[in-house]
Amino acid sequence: MKVPMLFRSLQAATAMVIVLTVGLVIAIAVGGIAVSRAMEQRERIILIPPYLDRQVQLGWSAASADYLKSFGMYFTTLAANVTPNNIDFVAQNLELFVDSRIFPDVRRTLKATAENPQFRGTGSSLVFQPNEILFEPETMKVFVGGTATHRDAAGRKTDTEMIYELGVEMRTGRPWITSIETYDGREMRTQKWRQQHPNFREEAGK
C-alpha cells in the first residue's frame, strides 16, 4: 500500500477543499454586497437628456451631480418664469416634484402672486435667466444663480441678481425638491459660506 502517495493525495484534497471554501465565502460576501447595493439602488438607468452634453446616471436612491443640476435648472426655469396666464399651470406642474411638506407654502406664494393686482391683469411677467449652477453633495443642495427680470405692461423692466437654493432628494428613482430658499445677490450660501458667516441669519433679521 502506497501510504505516502495516499497521504499526499489527502493533503491535496484537503487543500483544495480549503481553497474552494474560501472562494465560496468570498463569492457569498461579494454577492451579498452586490445584492445590498442592488436593493439600495435598484435598477440604474444611464441616459443623456437632450439638454446635456454628457452621460448622467439615475438610480433608485441616487443620481449623478450633472443630473441633479439639470433638474435644479429645470425647476427654476419653470418656477421662476411666470405670467398671469400660466401661473396656475406652473403650480400644477410643481406639485409633481415638490415635497408635500413644503408644497402648501409654494402654492400660497404662487397664489399671492396671482392675486396681486399689480401682477394679475396688467400683463406683467417674471423671467429668470440662470447663469451659474452648483451642486453641493455634502448637503444635497443645488444652487442656481442668475438674473430675475420683472417686466410691466409698459415694457419697463427691473433686473435683480438672485440665487435659488434647492434641497434635493432621490426617492424611488425620482428627484424631489425638499427645500426652497431664494435671496438676492450673487453669493451662494454653501456649507463653506455658512461656516464663514455663522451669524448671518441674526444679522439679516436686524
N, C-alpha and C. Protein backbone atom coordinates (compact mmCIF):
# COMPACT_ATOMS: atom_id res chain seq x y z
N MET A 1 0.85 -1.19 0.00
CA MET A 1 0.00 0.00 0.00
C MET A 1 0.88 1.24 0.00
N LYS A 2 0.62 2.19 -0.91
CA LYS A 2 1.43 3.38 -1.04
C LYS A 2 0.88 4.47 -0.12
N VAL A 3 1.26 4.35 1.18
CA VAL A 3 0.75 5.30 2.18
C VAL A 3 1.20 6.73 1.90
N PRO A 4 2.50 6.96 1.59
CA PRO A 4 2.92 8.34 1.30
C PRO A 4 2.11 8.98 0.17
N MET A 5 1.85 8.22 -0.89
CA MET A 5 1.08 8.75 -2.01
C MET A 5 -0.34 9.09 -1.58
N LEU A 6 -0.95 8.20 -0.75
CA LEU A 6 -2.30 8.45 -0.24
C LEU A 6 -2.33 9.68 0.64
N PHE A 7 -1.27 9.81 1.47
CA PHE A 7 -1.19 10.96 2.37
C PHE A 7 -1.12 12.26 1.57
N ARG A 8 -0.27 12.20 0.51
CA ARG A 8 -0.16 13.40 -0.32
C ARG A 8 -1.48 13.71 -1.02
N SER A 9 -2.20 12.68 -1.44
CA SER A 9 -3.49 12.88 -2.09
C SER A 9 -4.50 13.50 -1.14
N LEU A 10 -4.48 13.01 0.13
CA LEU A 10 -5.39 13.58 1.13
C LEU A 10 -5.05 15.04 1.41
N GLN A 11 -3.74 15.32 1.47
CA GLN A 11 -3.32 16.69 1.69
C GLN A 11 -3.78 17.59 0.55
N ALA A 12 -3.63 17.10 -0.67
CA ALA A 12 -4.04 17.89 -1.83
C ALA A 12 -5.54 18.12 -1.83
N ALA A 13 -6.29 17.05 -1.48
CA ALA A 13 -7.74 17.17 -1.45
C ALA A 13 -8.18 18.16 -0.37
N THR A 14 -7.51 18.06 0.80
CA THR A 14 -7.85 18.98 1.89
C THR A 14 -7.56 20.42 1.49
N ALA A 15 -6.41 20.62 0.86
CA ALA A 15 -6.05 21.97 0.42
C ALA A 15 -7.07 22.49 -0.59
N MET A 16 -7.50 21.60 -1.48
CA MET A 16 -8.49 22.01 -2.48
C MET A 16 -9.81 22.40 -1.84
N VAL A 17 -10.22 21.62 -0.82
CA VAL A 17 -11.46 21.94 -0.10
C VAL A 17 -11.35 23.30 0.57
N ILE A 18 -10.18 23.56 1.18
CA ILE A 18 -9.97 24.85 1.85
C ILE A 18 -10.06 25.99 0.85
N VAL A 19 -9.39 25.80 -0.30
CA VAL A 19 -9.41 26.84 -1.34
C VAL A 19 -10.83 27.09 -1.83
N LEU A 20 -11.56 26.00 -2.08
CA LEU A 20 -12.94 26.14 -2.56
C LEU A 20 -13.82 26.81 -1.51
N THR A 21 -13.60 26.45 -0.23
CA THR A 21 -14.40 27.04 0.85
C THR A 21 -14.14 28.54 0.95
N VAL A 22 -12.85 28.91 0.92
CA VAL A 22 -12.51 30.34 0.97
C VAL A 22 -13.10 31.07 -0.23
N GLY A 23 -12.99 30.45 -1.40
CA GLY A 23 -13.56 31.06 -2.60
C GLY A 23 -15.06 31.24 -2.49
N LEU A 24 -15.73 30.23 -1.91
CA LEU A 24 -17.18 30.32 -1.74
C LEU A 24 -17.56 31.43 -0.78
N VAL A 25 -16.80 31.54 0.32
CA VAL A 25 -17.07 32.61 1.30
C VAL A 25 -16.91 33.98 0.65
N ILE A 26 -15.83 34.13 -0.13
CA ILE A 26 -15.61 35.41 -0.82
C ILE A 26 -16.74 35.70 -1.80
N ALA A 27 -17.15 34.66 -2.54
CA ALA A 27 -18.23 34.84 -3.52
C ALA A 27 -19.53 35.24 -2.83
N ILE A 28 -19.81 34.61 -1.68
CA ILE A 28 -21.03 34.95 -0.94
C ILE A 28 -20.97 36.40 -0.44
N ALA A 29 -19.78 36.78 0.06
CA ALA A 29 -19.62 38.15 0.56
C ALA A 29 -19.81 39.16 -0.55
N VAL A 30 -19.16 38.90 -1.70
CA VAL A 30 -19.30 39.81 -2.84
C VAL A 30 -20.74 39.84 -3.32
N GLY A 31 -21.36 38.66 -3.36
CA GLY A 31 -22.76 38.61 -3.78
C GLY A 31 -23.66 39.37 -2.83
N GLY A 32 -23.37 39.26 -1.53
CA GLY A 32 -24.17 39.98 -0.54
C GLY A 32 -24.06 41.48 -0.71
N ILE A 33 -22.83 41.95 -0.97
CA ILE A 33 -22.63 43.38 -1.21
C ILE A 33 -23.38 43.82 -2.46
N ALA A 34 -23.30 42.99 -3.50
CA ALA A 34 -23.99 43.34 -4.75
C ALA A 34 -25.49 43.40 -4.55
N VAL A 35 -26.03 42.42 -3.81
CA VAL A 35 -27.47 42.42 -3.55
C VAL A 35 -27.87 43.63 -2.72
N SER A 36 -27.03 43.94 -1.71
CA SER A 36 -27.32 45.10 -0.86
C SER A 36 -27.36 46.37 -1.68
N ARG A 37 -26.36 46.51 -2.57
CA ARG A 37 -26.34 47.70 -3.41
C ARG A 37 -27.51 47.71 -4.38
N ALA A 38 -27.86 46.54 -4.88
CA ALA A 38 -28.99 46.47 -5.81
C ALA A 38 -30.28 46.85 -5.11
N MET A 39 -30.43 46.41 -3.84
CA MET A 39 -31.64 46.77 -3.10
C MET A 39 -31.70 48.26 -2.86
N GLU A 40 -30.51 48.85 -2.66
CA GLU A 40 -30.49 50.29 -2.40
C GLU A 40 -30.67 51.09 -3.68
N GLN A 41 -30.00 50.66 -4.74
CA GLN A 41 -30.01 51.42 -5.97
C GLN A 41 -31.12 50.99 -6.93
N ARG A 42 -31.59 49.76 -6.78
CA ARG A 42 -32.48 49.14 -7.75
C ARG A 42 -31.83 49.21 -9.12
N GLU A 43 -32.62 49.40 -10.13
CA GLU A 43 -32.06 49.42 -11.48
C GLU A 43 -31.44 50.78 -11.76
N ARG A 44 -30.25 50.78 -12.29
CA ARG A 44 -29.59 52.03 -12.64
C ARG A 44 -29.79 52.30 -14.11
N ILE A 45 -30.25 53.49 -14.40
CA ILE A 45 -30.55 53.87 -15.78
C ILE A 45 -29.50 54.88 -16.24
N ILE A 46 -28.95 54.65 -17.40
CA ILE A 46 -28.00 55.58 -17.98
C ILE A 46 -28.69 56.31 -19.12
N LEU A 47 -28.70 57.64 -19.08
CA LEU A 47 -29.38 58.38 -20.12
C LEU A 47 -28.66 59.70 -20.38
N ILE A 48 -28.93 60.25 -21.54
CA ILE A 48 -28.38 61.55 -21.91
C ILE A 48 -29.54 62.44 -22.32
N PRO A 49 -30.03 63.29 -21.41
CA PRO A 49 -31.13 64.20 -21.76
C PRO A 49 -30.71 65.12 -22.89
N PRO A 50 -31.66 65.64 -23.65
CA PRO A 50 -31.32 66.49 -24.80
C PRO A 50 -30.62 67.78 -24.41
N TYR A 51 -30.79 68.24 -23.16
CA TYR A 51 -30.16 69.49 -22.75
C TYR A 51 -28.83 69.27 -22.06
N LEU A 52 -28.31 68.04 -22.08
CA LEU A 52 -27.00 67.76 -21.52
C LEU A 52 -26.07 67.26 -22.62
N ASP A 53 -24.79 67.56 -22.46
CA ASP A 53 -23.82 67.10 -23.46
C ASP A 53 -22.94 65.99 -22.90
N ARG A 54 -23.39 65.38 -21.80
CA ARG A 54 -22.61 64.29 -21.21
C ARG A 54 -23.56 63.26 -20.61
N GLN A 55 -23.03 62.08 -20.34
CA GLN A 55 -23.83 61.00 -19.79
C GLN A 55 -24.06 61.23 -18.30
N VAL A 56 -25.28 60.96 -17.84
CA VAL A 56 -25.59 61.08 -16.42
C VAL A 56 -26.18 59.76 -15.94
N GLN A 57 -26.17 59.57 -14.61
CA GLN A 57 -26.69 58.35 -14.02
C GLN A 57 -27.88 58.66 -13.12
N LEU A 58 -28.88 57.81 -13.22
CA LEU A 58 -30.09 57.95 -12.41
C LEU A 58 -30.40 56.61 -11.78
N GLY A 59 -30.31 56.52 -10.45
CA GLY A 59 -30.58 55.29 -9.73
C GLY A 59 -31.84 55.38 -8.89
N TRP A 60 -32.06 54.35 -8.08
CA TRP A 60 -33.27 54.28 -7.26
C TRP A 60 -33.25 55.33 -6.15
N SER A 61 -32.08 55.53 -5.54
CA SER A 61 -31.99 56.49 -4.44
C SER A 61 -30.80 57.43 -4.59
N ALA A 62 -30.24 57.51 -5.77
CA ALA A 62 -29.10 58.39 -6.01
C ALA A 62 -29.05 58.77 -7.48
N ALA A 63 -28.37 59.86 -7.75
CA ALA A 63 -28.19 60.31 -9.13
C ALA A 63 -26.89 61.09 -9.21
N SER A 64 -26.36 61.19 -10.41
CA SER A 64 -25.11 61.91 -10.58
C SER A 64 -25.34 63.41 -10.42
N ALA A 65 -24.25 64.12 -10.14
CA ALA A 65 -24.33 65.56 -9.91
C ALA A 65 -24.89 66.29 -11.12
N ASP A 66 -24.49 65.87 -12.32
CA ASP A 66 -24.96 66.55 -13.52
C ASP A 66 -26.48 66.40 -13.68
N TYR A 67 -27.00 65.23 -13.31
CA TYR A 67 -28.45 65.05 -13.41
C TYR A 67 -29.18 65.96 -12.43
N LEU A 68 -28.69 66.03 -11.18
CA LEU A 68 -29.35 66.86 -10.17
C LEU A 68 -29.24 68.34 -10.52
N LYS A 69 -28.12 68.74 -11.10
CA LYS A 69 -28.00 70.13 -11.53
C LYS A 69 -28.98 70.44 -12.66
N SER A 70 -29.13 69.50 -13.59
CA SER A 70 -30.08 69.74 -14.68
C SER A 70 -31.51 69.79 -14.16
N PHE A 71 -31.79 68.99 -13.13
CA PHE A 71 -33.13 69.02 -12.53
C PHE A 71 -33.36 70.36 -11.83
N GLY A 72 -32.35 70.85 -11.11
CA GLY A 72 -32.47 72.15 -10.47
C GLY A 72 -32.68 73.26 -11.49
N MET A 73 -31.99 73.16 -12.62
CA MET A 73 -32.17 74.13 -13.69
C MET A 73 -33.59 74.08 -14.23
N TYR A 74 -34.12 72.87 -14.40
CA TYR A 74 -35.48 72.72 -14.90
C TYR A 74 -36.48 73.34 -13.93
N PHE A 75 -36.28 73.08 -12.63
CA PHE A 75 -37.21 73.60 -11.62
C PHE A 75 -37.24 75.12 -11.64
N THR A 76 -36.07 75.74 -11.62
CA THR A 76 -36.04 77.21 -11.59
C THR A 76 -36.60 77.80 -12.88
N THR A 77 -36.34 77.14 -14.00
CA THR A 77 -36.88 77.63 -15.26
C THR A 77 -38.40 77.63 -15.24
N LEU A 78 -38.99 76.59 -14.62
CA LEU A 78 -40.44 76.51 -14.54
C LEU A 78 -41.00 77.45 -13.48
N ALA A 79 -40.40 77.41 -12.28
CA ALA A 79 -40.97 78.14 -11.14
C ALA A 79 -40.77 79.64 -11.24
N ALA A 80 -39.70 80.07 -11.87
CA ALA A 80 -39.36 81.49 -11.85
C ALA A 80 -39.72 82.23 -13.13
N ASN A 81 -40.39 81.58 -14.04
CA ASN A 81 -40.82 82.24 -15.28
C ASN A 81 -42.33 82.15 -15.36
N VAL A 82 -43.00 83.15 -14.79
CA VAL A 82 -44.45 83.10 -14.69
C VAL A 82 -45.07 84.37 -15.26
N THR A 83 -46.29 84.19 -15.74
CA THR A 83 -47.12 85.29 -16.20
C THR A 83 -48.50 85.10 -15.58
N PRO A 84 -49.37 86.10 -15.62
CA PRO A 84 -50.73 85.91 -15.09
C PRO A 84 -51.46 84.76 -15.76
N ASN A 85 -51.11 84.45 -17.00
CA ASN A 85 -51.82 83.41 -17.74
C ASN A 85 -51.32 82.00 -17.44
N ASN A 86 -50.07 81.84 -17.00
CA ASN A 86 -49.54 80.49 -16.82
C ASN A 86 -49.32 80.11 -15.37
N ILE A 87 -49.67 80.98 -14.44
CA ILE A 87 -49.31 80.73 -13.04
C ILE A 87 -50.04 79.50 -12.48
N ASP A 88 -51.28 79.26 -12.90
CA ASP A 88 -51.99 78.06 -12.44
C ASP A 88 -51.34 76.79 -13.01
N PHE A 89 -50.93 76.87 -14.27
CA PHE A 89 -50.24 75.74 -14.90
C PHE A 89 -48.93 75.43 -14.18
N VAL A 90 -48.20 76.47 -13.81
CA VAL A 90 -46.93 76.29 -13.10
C VAL A 90 -47.17 75.60 -11.77
N ALA A 91 -48.18 76.04 -11.02
CA ALA A 91 -48.47 75.45 -9.71
C ALA A 91 -48.81 73.97 -9.84
N GLN A 92 -49.61 73.61 -10.83
CA GLN A 92 -50.00 72.21 -11.02
C GLN A 92 -48.79 71.34 -11.33
N ASN A 93 -47.86 71.85 -12.12
CA ASN A 93 -46.70 71.05 -12.50
C ASN A 93 -45.66 70.98 -11.39
N LEU A 94 -45.54 72.04 -10.60
CA LEU A 94 -44.59 72.00 -9.50
C LEU A 94 -44.99 70.95 -8.47
N GLU A 95 -46.27 70.71 -8.32
CA GLU A 95 -46.74 69.73 -7.34
C GLU A 95 -46.23 68.33 -7.65
N LEU A 96 -45.86 68.07 -8.90
CA LEU A 96 -45.41 66.74 -9.30
C LEU A 96 -44.06 66.37 -8.71
N PHE A 97 -43.24 67.38 -8.35
CA PHE A 97 -41.91 67.05 -7.84
C PHE A 97 -41.46 67.93 -6.68
N VAL A 98 -42.41 68.62 -6.04
CA VAL A 98 -42.10 69.35 -4.81
C VAL A 98 -42.64 68.55 -3.63
N ASP A 99 -41.83 68.35 -2.62
CA ASP A 99 -42.22 67.56 -1.45
C ASP A 99 -43.53 68.09 -0.86
N SER A 100 -44.41 67.16 -0.48
CA SER A 100 -45.72 67.54 0.03
C SER A 100 -45.64 68.36 1.31
N ARG A 101 -44.52 68.26 2.03
CA ARG A 101 -44.37 69.02 3.27
C ARG A 101 -44.19 70.51 3.01
N ILE A 102 -43.63 70.87 1.86
CA ILE A 102 -43.39 72.29 1.59
C ILE A 102 -44.26 72.83 0.45
N PHE A 103 -44.96 71.93 -0.27
CA PHE A 103 -45.74 72.43 -1.40
C PHE A 103 -46.84 73.41 -0.99
N PRO A 104 -47.52 73.23 0.16
CA PRO A 104 -48.53 74.23 0.54
C PRO A 104 -47.96 75.65 0.61
N ASP A 105 -46.73 75.80 1.09
CA ASP A 105 -46.11 77.13 1.13
C ASP A 105 -45.83 77.64 -0.28
N VAL A 106 -45.38 76.74 -1.15
CA VAL A 106 -45.13 77.13 -2.54
C VAL A 106 -46.43 77.57 -3.21
N ARG A 107 -47.49 76.81 -2.98
CA ARG A 107 -48.78 77.15 -3.59
C ARG A 107 -49.30 78.48 -3.07
N ARG A 108 -49.13 78.74 -1.76
CA ARG A 108 -49.58 80.02 -1.20
C ARG A 108 -48.81 81.19 -1.81
N THR A 109 -47.52 81.00 -2.01
CA THR A 109 -46.71 82.06 -2.62
C THR A 109 -47.17 82.36 -4.04
N LEU A 110 -47.40 81.30 -4.81
CA LEU A 110 -47.87 81.49 -6.18
C LEU A 110 -49.26 82.12 -6.21
N LYS A 111 -50.12 81.70 -5.28
CA LYS A 111 -51.47 82.25 -5.22
C LYS A 111 -51.44 83.73 -4.89
N ALA A 112 -50.57 84.10 -3.94
CA ALA A 112 -50.44 85.51 -3.57
C ALA A 112 -49.96 86.34 -4.76
N THR A 113 -49.04 85.76 -5.53
CA THR A 113 -48.57 86.45 -6.74
C THR A 113 -49.69 86.60 -7.75
N ALA A 114 -50.46 85.53 -7.92
CA ALA A 114 -51.55 85.56 -8.90
C ALA A 114 -52.63 86.57 -8.53
N GLU A 115 -52.85 86.75 -7.21
CA GLU A 115 -53.91 87.65 -6.76
C GLU A 115 -53.43 89.09 -6.58
N ASN A 116 -52.15 89.31 -6.76
CA ASN A 116 -51.61 90.67 -6.64
C ASN A 116 -52.10 91.51 -7.82
N PRO A 117 -52.84 92.59 -7.55
CA PRO A 117 -53.39 93.40 -8.66
C PRO A 117 -52.32 94.01 -9.55
N GLN A 118 -51.10 94.19 -9.02
CA GLN A 118 -50.03 94.73 -9.83
C GLN A 118 -49.47 93.69 -10.80
N PHE A 119 -49.85 92.43 -10.59
CA PHE A 119 -49.38 91.36 -11.46
C PHE A 119 -50.51 90.83 -12.33
N ARG A 120 -51.61 90.46 -11.69
CA ARG A 120 -52.76 89.92 -12.41
C ARG A 120 -53.46 91.02 -13.20
N GLY A 121 -53.67 90.80 -14.46
CA GLY A 121 -54.43 91.73 -15.29
C GLY A 121 -53.64 92.92 -15.80
N THR A 122 -52.33 92.94 -15.57
CA THR A 122 -51.53 94.08 -16.03
C THR A 122 -50.56 93.70 -17.14
N GLY A 123 -50.51 92.42 -17.46
CA GLY A 123 -49.57 91.99 -18.49
C GLY A 123 -48.14 91.89 -18.00
N SER A 124 -47.96 91.86 -16.68
CA SER A 124 -46.61 91.75 -16.12
C SER A 124 -46.07 90.34 -16.32
N SER A 125 -44.77 90.22 -16.21
CA SER A 125 -44.14 88.91 -16.32
C SER A 125 -42.88 88.87 -15.47
N LEU A 126 -42.55 87.67 -15.01
CA LEU A 126 -41.31 87.43 -14.27
C LEU A 126 -40.49 86.41 -15.05
N VAL A 127 -39.25 86.75 -15.33
CA VAL A 127 -38.37 85.87 -16.10
C VAL A 127 -37.06 85.72 -15.35
N PHE A 128 -36.63 84.48 -15.20
CA PHE A 128 -35.35 84.21 -14.54
C PHE A 128 -34.39 83.61 -15.54
N GLN A 129 -33.24 84.25 -15.70
CA GLN A 129 -32.22 83.77 -16.63
C GLN A 129 -31.03 83.24 -15.83
N PRO A 130 -30.90 81.90 -15.70
CA PRO A 130 -29.78 81.35 -14.92
C PRO A 130 -28.46 81.52 -15.64
N ASN A 131 -27.41 81.75 -14.87
CA ASN A 131 -26.08 81.87 -15.47
C ASN A 131 -25.01 81.11 -14.69
N GLU A 132 -25.39 80.49 -13.57
CA GLU A 132 -24.43 79.72 -12.78
C GLU A 132 -25.17 78.65 -11.99
N ILE A 133 -24.60 77.46 -11.91
CA ILE A 133 -25.24 76.38 -11.16
C ILE A 133 -24.18 75.56 -10.44
N LEU A 134 -24.52 75.15 -9.21
CA LEU A 134 -23.58 74.40 -8.38
C LEU A 134 -24.34 73.34 -7.61
N PHE A 135 -23.76 72.13 -7.53
CA PHE A 135 -24.32 71.07 -6.69
C PHE A 135 -23.37 70.82 -5.53
N GLU A 136 -23.92 70.80 -4.30
CA GLU A 136 -23.14 70.56 -3.10
C GLU A 136 -23.53 69.19 -2.53
N PRO A 137 -22.71 68.16 -2.76
CA PRO A 137 -23.09 66.80 -2.34
C PRO A 137 -23.21 66.63 -0.83
N GLU A 138 -22.45 67.41 -0.05
CA GLU A 138 -22.50 67.27 1.40
C GLU A 138 -23.88 67.60 1.96
N THR A 139 -24.55 68.55 1.35
CA THR A 139 -25.87 68.98 1.83
C THR A 139 -27.00 68.59 0.88
N MET A 140 -26.66 67.98 -0.25
CA MET A 140 -27.64 67.64 -1.28
C MET A 140 -28.45 68.87 -1.69
N LYS A 141 -27.72 69.94 -1.99
CA LYS A 141 -28.36 71.18 -2.42
C LYS A 141 -27.85 71.59 -3.79
N VAL A 142 -28.77 72.14 -4.57
CA VAL A 142 -28.44 72.71 -5.87
C VAL A 142 -28.62 74.22 -5.77
N PHE A 143 -27.60 74.95 -6.18
CA PHE A 143 -27.65 76.41 -6.17
C PHE A 143 -27.71 76.89 -7.62
N VAL A 144 -28.72 77.69 -7.92
CA VAL A 144 -28.86 78.24 -9.27
C VAL A 144 -28.86 79.76 -9.15
N GLY A 145 -27.87 80.39 -9.75
CA GLY A 145 -27.77 81.84 -9.72
C GLY A 145 -28.10 82.43 -11.07
N GLY A 146 -28.66 83.64 -11.06
CA GLY A 146 -29.00 84.27 -12.32
C GLY A 146 -29.65 85.63 -12.12
N THR A 147 -30.31 86.10 -13.15
CA THR A 147 -30.96 87.41 -13.13
C THR A 147 -32.46 87.25 -13.27
N ALA A 148 -33.20 87.81 -12.30
CA ALA A 148 -34.66 87.82 -12.35
C ALA A 148 -35.10 89.16 -12.92
N THR A 149 -35.91 89.10 -13.96
CA THR A 149 -36.37 90.32 -14.63
C THR A 149 -37.88 90.45 -14.51
N HIS A 150 -38.31 91.55 -13.92
CA HIS A 150 -39.74 91.87 -13.87
C HIS A 150 -40.04 92.91 -14.93
N ARG A 151 -40.99 92.58 -15.79
CA ARG A 151 -41.37 93.49 -16.86
C ARG A 151 -42.84 93.84 -16.72
N ASP A 152 -43.16 95.14 -16.70
CA ASP A 152 -44.56 95.54 -16.56
C ASP A 152 -45.21 95.70 -17.92
N ALA A 153 -46.50 96.10 -17.91
CA ALA A 153 -47.26 96.18 -19.15
C ALA A 153 -46.69 97.22 -20.11
N ALA A 154 -46.02 98.23 -19.57
CA ALA A 154 -45.45 99.28 -20.41
C ALA A 154 -44.09 98.88 -20.99
N GLY A 155 -43.61 97.70 -20.60
CA GLY A 155 -42.33 97.24 -21.11
C GLY A 155 -41.15 97.62 -20.25
N ARG A 156 -41.41 98.35 -19.16
CA ARG A 156 -40.32 98.70 -18.26
C ARG A 156 -39.87 97.46 -17.50
N LYS A 157 -38.58 97.32 -17.32
CA LYS A 157 -38.08 96.13 -16.65
C LYS A 157 -37.15 96.48 -15.50
N THR A 158 -37.15 95.57 -14.52
CA THR A 158 -36.28 95.70 -13.36
C THR A 158 -35.51 94.40 -13.20
N ASP A 159 -34.19 94.48 -13.19
CA ASP A 159 -33.35 93.29 -13.06
C ASP A 159 -32.84 93.15 -11.63
N THR A 160 -32.87 91.91 -11.13
CA THR A 160 -32.37 91.62 -9.79
C THR A 160 -31.53 90.35 -9.82
N GLU A 161 -30.30 90.45 -9.34
CA GLU A 161 -29.46 89.25 -9.22
C GLU A 161 -29.96 88.44 -8.03
N MET A 162 -30.16 87.14 -8.24
CA MET A 162 -30.67 86.32 -7.15
C MET A 162 -30.21 84.88 -7.25
N ILE A 163 -30.38 84.17 -6.13
CA ILE A 163 -29.97 82.77 -6.02
C ILE A 163 -31.17 81.93 -5.62
N TYR A 164 -31.32 80.78 -6.27
CA TYR A 164 -32.26 79.75 -5.83
C TYR A 164 -31.45 78.65 -5.15
N GLU A 165 -31.78 78.36 -3.91
CA GLU A 165 -31.10 77.31 -3.14
C GLU A 165 -32.11 76.18 -2.92
N LEU A 166 -31.86 75.04 -3.54
CA LEU A 166 -32.82 73.94 -3.56
C LEU A 166 -32.27 72.71 -2.87
N GLY A 167 -33.01 72.17 -1.90
CA GLY A 167 -32.69 70.87 -1.34
C GLY A 167 -33.28 69.80 -2.23
N VAL A 168 -32.50 68.79 -2.59
CA VAL A 168 -32.98 67.74 -3.49
C VAL A 168 -32.79 66.37 -2.84
N GLU A 169 -33.65 65.45 -3.23
CA GLU A 169 -33.58 64.08 -2.69
C GLU A 169 -34.13 63.12 -3.73
N MET A 170 -33.44 61.98 -3.89
CA MET A 170 -33.90 60.95 -4.81
C MET A 170 -34.74 59.93 -4.04
N ARG A 171 -35.95 59.68 -4.52
CA ARG A 171 -36.83 58.67 -3.92
C ARG A 171 -37.44 57.82 -5.02
N THR A 172 -37.28 56.52 -4.89
CA THR A 172 -37.83 55.57 -5.86
C THR A 172 -37.56 55.99 -7.29
N GLY A 173 -36.33 56.44 -7.52
CA GLY A 173 -35.93 56.79 -8.87
C GLY A 173 -36.37 58.15 -9.36
N ARG A 174 -36.96 58.98 -8.46
CA ARG A 174 -37.44 60.30 -8.85
C ARG A 174 -36.80 61.38 -8.00
N PRO A 175 -36.45 62.52 -8.60
CA PRO A 175 -35.93 63.63 -7.80
C PRO A 175 -37.07 64.44 -7.20
N TRP A 176 -36.86 64.90 -5.97
CA TRP A 176 -37.84 65.73 -5.27
C TRP A 176 -37.17 66.96 -4.71
N ILE A 177 -37.88 68.07 -4.74
CA ILE A 177 -37.41 69.30 -4.10
C ILE A 177 -37.91 69.27 -2.66
N THR A 178 -36.99 69.30 -1.70
CA THR A 178 -37.36 69.20 -0.28
C THR A 178 -37.25 70.53 0.46
N SER A 179 -36.58 71.49 -0.13
CA SER A 179 -36.49 72.82 0.49
C SER A 179 -36.20 73.84 -0.60
N ILE A 180 -36.71 75.05 -0.39
CA ILE A 180 -36.51 76.14 -1.35
C ILE A 180 -36.20 77.41 -0.58
N GLU A 181 -35.13 78.05 -0.97
CA GLU A 181 -34.78 79.34 -0.38
C GLU A 181 -34.27 80.24 -1.51
N THR A 182 -34.75 81.47 -1.53
CA THR A 182 -34.28 82.43 -2.53
C THR A 182 -33.75 83.67 -1.82
N TYR A 183 -32.74 84.27 -2.41
CA TYR A 183 -32.19 85.50 -1.84
C TYR A 183 -31.47 86.28 -2.93
N ASP A 184 -31.42 87.59 -2.73
CA ASP A 184 -30.78 88.47 -3.70
C ASP A 184 -29.26 88.34 -3.61
N GLY A 185 -28.61 88.69 -4.70
CA GLY A 185 -27.16 88.69 -4.73
C GLY A 185 -26.60 87.60 -5.62
N ARG A 186 -25.28 87.52 -5.62
CA ARG A 186 -24.58 86.53 -6.44
C ARG A 186 -23.86 85.48 -5.61
N GLU A 187 -23.82 85.68 -4.29
CA GLU A 187 -23.05 84.79 -3.43
C GLU A 187 -23.92 83.62 -2.97
N MET A 188 -23.51 82.41 -3.33
CA MET A 188 -24.25 81.22 -2.94
C MET A 188 -23.91 80.84 -1.51
N ARG A 189 -24.93 80.59 -0.72
CA ARG A 189 -24.72 80.29 0.70
C ARG A 189 -24.47 78.80 0.89
N THR A 190 -23.33 78.37 0.44
CA THR A 190 -22.93 76.97 0.57
C THR A 190 -22.57 76.66 2.02
N GLN A 191 -22.27 75.40 2.27
CA GLN A 191 -21.88 74.99 3.62
C GLN A 191 -20.64 75.76 4.07
N LYS A 192 -19.68 75.91 3.17
CA LYS A 192 -18.46 76.66 3.49
C LYS A 192 -18.79 78.11 3.80
N TRP A 193 -19.69 78.71 3.01
CA TRP A 193 -20.07 80.11 3.24
C TRP A 193 -20.75 80.26 4.59
N ARG A 194 -21.63 79.33 4.95
CA ARG A 194 -22.34 79.42 6.23
C ARG A 194 -21.38 79.26 7.41
N GLN A 195 -20.36 78.42 7.23
CA GLN A 195 -19.37 78.28 8.29
C GLN A 195 -18.57 79.56 8.48
N GLN A 196 -18.37 80.29 7.40
CA GLN A 196 -17.64 81.55 7.47
C GLN A 196 -18.52 82.70 7.94
N HIS A 197 -19.85 82.51 7.89
CA HIS A 197 -20.80 83.55 8.32
C HIS A 197 -21.80 82.93 9.29
N PRO A 198 -21.35 82.53 10.48
CA PRO A 198 -22.24 81.82 11.42
C PRO A 198 -23.41 82.66 11.93
N ASN A 199 -23.30 83.98 11.87
CA ASN A 199 -24.35 84.84 12.42
C ASN A 199 -25.15 85.56 11.34
N PHE A 200 -25.12 85.04 10.11
CA PHE A 200 -25.75 85.80 9.03
C PHE A 200 -27.26 85.91 9.19
N ARG A 201 -27.91 84.89 9.77
CA ARG A 201 -29.36 84.96 9.96
C ARG A 201 -29.72 86.03 10.99
N GLU A 202 -28.95 86.08 12.08
CA GLU A 202 -29.21 87.10 13.09
C GLU A 202 -28.97 88.50 12.53
N GLU A 203 -27.90 88.63 11.72
CA GLU A 203 -27.60 89.93 11.13
C GLU A 203 -28.67 90.34 10.14
N ALA A 204 -29.21 89.36 9.38
CA ALA A 204 -30.25 89.67 8.40
C ALA A 204 -31.54 90.09 9.07
N GLY A 205 -31.77 89.59 10.30
CA GLY A 205 -33.01 89.91 11.00
C GLY A 205 -32.99 91.25 11.69
N LYS A 206 -31.84 91.90 11.77
CA LYS A 206 -31.75 93.20 12.45
C LYS A 206 -32.32 94.32 11.59
